[in-house]
Amino acid sequence: MKIYVDQTRCQGHSRCYMLAPDLFEIDDYGQSTEKINVHLPSELEEDARLAAENCPEFAIVIIE
């Protein structure tokens, strides 16, 4: 599984960072980027799904 943040959709709510700080980092405006841009370790997959499900802008893309 891989994830990425669609920057055209991210509005800076920072929910992903609050739910999965090991996967995301945010800038001064709350815009999120992924910390890991390779295949995620299996123990972080559930956190990735939780963050994607809670993004109000559907900016987190999961690639299985």
N, C-alpha and C. Protein backbone atom coordinates (compact mmCIF):
# COMPACT_ATOMS: atom_id res chain seq x y z
N MET A 1 0.84 -1.18 0.00
CA MET A 1 0.00 0.00 0.00
C MET A 1 0.89 1.24 0.00
N LYS A 2 0.48 2.23 -0.78
CA LYS A 2 1.14 3.53 -0.81
C LYS A 2 0.07 4.60 -0.61
N ILE A 3 0.47 5.76 -0.16
CA ILE A 3 -0.45 6.88 -0.01
C ILE A 3 0.18 8.13 -0.62
N TYR A 4 -0.70 9.04 -1.02
CA TYR A 4 -0.21 10.38 -1.34
C TYR A 4 -1.34 11.38 -1.10
N VAL A 5 -0.95 12.62 -0.88
CA VAL A 5 -1.91 13.70 -0.62
C VAL A 5 -2.05 14.51 -1.90
N ASP A 6 -3.28 14.59 -2.39
CA ASP A 6 -3.59 15.39 -3.57
C ASP A 6 -3.61 16.86 -3.14
N GLN A 7 -2.58 17.59 -3.50
CA GLN A 7 -2.44 18.99 -3.08
C GLN A 7 -3.52 19.91 -3.65
N THR A 8 -4.15 19.50 -4.72
CA THR A 8 -5.23 20.33 -5.28
C THR A 8 -6.50 20.22 -4.45
N ARG A 9 -6.60 19.20 -3.62
CA ARG A 9 -7.79 19.00 -2.78
C ARG A 9 -7.57 19.37 -1.32
N CYS A 10 -6.35 19.25 -0.83
CA CYS A 10 -6.07 19.48 0.58
C CYS A 10 -6.40 20.93 0.94
N GLN A 11 -7.19 21.08 2.00
CA GLN A 11 -7.59 22.41 2.46
C GLN A 11 -6.99 22.78 3.81
N GLY A 12 -6.13 21.91 4.34
CA GLY A 12 -5.43 22.24 5.57
C GLY A 12 -6.20 21.98 6.85
N HIS A 13 -7.11 21.02 6.85
CA HIS A 13 -7.85 20.68 8.07
C HIS A 13 -6.96 19.95 9.09
N SER A 14 -5.92 19.30 8.61
CA SER A 14 -4.92 18.59 9.43
C SER A 14 -5.46 17.38 10.18
N ARG A 15 -6.59 16.87 9.80
CA ARG A 15 -7.12 15.67 10.45
C ARG A 15 -6.20 14.48 10.25
N CYS A 16 -5.64 14.36 9.07
CA CYS A 16 -4.74 13.24 8.79
C CYS A 16 -3.56 13.25 9.75
N TYR A 17 -3.00 14.41 9.99
CA TYR A 17 -1.85 14.51 10.89
C TYR A 17 -2.26 14.18 12.32
N MET A 18 -3.44 14.61 12.73
CA MET A 18 -3.91 14.31 14.08
C MET A 18 -4.13 12.81 14.27
N LEU A 19 -4.59 12.13 13.22
CA LEU A 19 -4.88 10.70 13.31
C LEU A 19 -3.66 9.82 13.05
N ALA A 20 -2.75 10.29 12.22
CA ALA A 20 -1.60 9.46 11.83
C ALA A 20 -0.35 10.32 11.67
N PRO A 21 0.19 10.84 12.76
CA PRO A 21 1.36 11.71 12.66
C PRO A 21 2.61 11.02 12.12
N ASP A 22 2.63 9.69 12.16
CA ASP A 22 3.78 8.97 11.60
C ASP A 22 3.76 8.97 10.07
N LEU A 23 2.59 9.27 9.49
CA LEU A 23 2.44 9.21 8.04
C LEU A 23 2.43 10.57 7.35
N PHE A 24 2.08 11.61 8.09
CA PHE A 24 1.88 12.93 7.48
C PHE A 24 2.64 14.00 8.23
N GLU A 25 3.00 15.04 7.49
CA GLU A 25 3.54 16.24 8.10
C GLU A 25 2.77 17.43 7.52
N ILE A 26 2.70 18.49 8.29
CA ILE A 26 1.94 19.65 7.85
C ILE A 26 2.83 20.88 7.85
N ASP A 27 2.46 21.84 7.00
CA ASP A 27 3.21 23.08 6.96
C ASP A 27 2.53 24.11 7.86
N ASP A 28 2.98 25.33 7.82
CA ASP A 28 2.44 26.39 8.68
C ASP A 28 0.98 26.71 8.40
N TYR A 29 0.48 26.30 7.24
CA TYR A 29 -0.91 26.56 6.86
C TYR A 29 -1.81 25.35 7.04
N GLY A 30 -1.26 24.27 7.56
CA GLY A 30 -2.02 23.05 7.76
C GLY A 30 -2.05 22.12 6.56
N GLN A 31 -1.40 22.53 5.46
CA GLN A 31 -1.36 21.68 4.27
C GLN A 31 -0.53 20.44 4.57
N SER A 32 -1.04 19.30 4.18
CA SER A 32 -0.42 18.04 4.51
C SER A 32 0.38 17.46 3.35
N THR A 33 1.45 16.76 3.69
CA THR A 33 2.21 15.97 2.73
C THR A 33 2.51 14.63 3.40
N GLU A 34 2.74 13.63 2.59
CA GLU A 34 3.05 12.31 3.14
C GLU A 34 4.52 12.25 3.54
N LYS A 35 4.80 11.61 4.65
CA LYS A 35 6.18 11.41 5.10
C LYS A 35 6.82 10.22 4.39
N ILE A 36 6.00 9.23 4.09
CA ILE A 36 6.51 7.99 3.50
C ILE A 36 5.96 7.88 2.08
N ASN A 37 6.82 7.93 1.08
CA ASN A 37 6.32 7.85 -0.30
C ASN A 37 6.70 6.54 -0.97
N VAL A 38 6.96 5.54 -0.16
CA VAL A 38 7.19 4.17 -0.64
C VAL A 38 6.13 3.28 0.00
N HIS A 39 6.18 2.00 -0.25
CA HIS A 39 5.20 1.10 0.35
C HIS A 39 5.23 1.22 1.87
N LEU A 40 4.04 1.35 2.45
CA LEU A 40 3.93 1.50 3.90
C LEU A 40 4.19 0.18 4.61
N PRO A 41 4.77 0.24 5.78
CA PRO A 41 4.85 -0.96 6.60
C PRO A 41 3.42 -1.39 6.96
N SER A 42 3.21 -2.67 7.07
CA SER A 42 1.86 -3.20 7.31
C SER A 42 1.23 -2.64 8.59
N GLU A 43 2.04 -2.33 9.59
CA GLU A 43 1.49 -1.82 10.85
C GLU A 43 0.95 -0.39 10.71
N LEU A 44 1.23 0.29 9.62
CA LEU A 44 0.72 1.65 9.42
C LEU A 44 -0.46 1.71 8.45
N GLU A 45 -0.82 0.59 7.86
CA GLU A 45 -1.90 0.58 6.87
C GLU A 45 -3.25 0.98 7.46
N GLU A 46 -3.54 0.52 8.66
CA GLU A 46 -4.81 0.88 9.30
C GLU A 46 -4.88 2.38 9.57
N ASP A 47 -3.76 2.97 10.00
CA ASP A 47 -3.71 4.42 10.23
C ASP A 47 -3.94 5.18 8.92
N ALA A 48 -3.38 4.68 7.84
CA ALA A 48 -3.55 5.33 6.54
C ALA A 48 -5.02 5.31 6.12
N ARG A 49 -5.66 4.17 6.30
CA ARG A 49 -7.09 4.08 5.94
C ARG A 49 -7.95 5.01 6.81
N LEU A 50 -7.65 5.05 8.10
CA LEU A 50 -8.39 5.91 9.01
C LEU A 50 -8.24 7.38 8.61
N ALA A 51 -7.02 7.79 8.27
CA ALA A 51 -6.80 9.17 7.85
C ALA A 51 -7.54 9.48 6.56
N ALA A 52 -7.50 8.56 5.59
CA ALA A 52 -8.19 8.78 4.32
C ALA A 52 -9.70 8.87 4.52
N GLU A 53 -10.25 8.03 5.37
CA GLU A 53 -11.69 8.03 5.63
C GLU A 53 -12.15 9.30 6.33
N ASN A 54 -11.26 9.94 7.06
CA ASN A 54 -11.63 11.13 7.83
C ASN A 54 -11.25 12.44 7.16
N CYS A 55 -10.69 12.38 5.98
CA CYS A 55 -10.34 13.61 5.26
C CYS A 55 -11.62 14.19 4.63
N PRO A 56 -12.04 15.38 5.04
CA PRO A 56 -13.28 15.95 4.51
C PRO A 56 -13.19 16.32 3.03
N GLU A 57 -11.98 16.46 2.51
CA GLU A 57 -11.80 16.83 1.11
C GLU A 57 -11.42 15.64 0.21
N PHE A 58 -11.33 14.44 0.82
CA PHE A 58 -10.93 13.23 0.09
C PHE A 58 -9.59 13.44 -0.63
N ALA A 59 -8.66 14.10 0.07
CA ALA A 59 -7.37 14.44 -0.54
C ALA A 59 -6.33 13.33 -0.38
N ILE A 60 -6.60 12.35 0.46
CA ILE A 60 -5.64 11.27 0.68
C ILE A 60 -6.00 10.11 -0.23
N VAL A 61 -5.05 9.75 -1.07
CA VAL A 61 -5.26 8.69 -2.05
C VAL A 61 -4.47 7.46 -1.60
N ILE A 62 -5.16 6.33 -1.55
CA ILE A 62 -4.52 5.07 -1.19
C ILE A 62 -4.38 4.22 -2.45
N ILE A 63 -3.19 3.72 -2.66
CA ILE A 63 -2.92 2.84 -3.79
C ILE A 63 -2.58 1.47 -3.22
N GLU A 64 -3.41 0.50 -3.49
CA GLU A 64 -3.19 -0.87 -2.97
C GLU A 64 -2.18 -1.60 -3.80
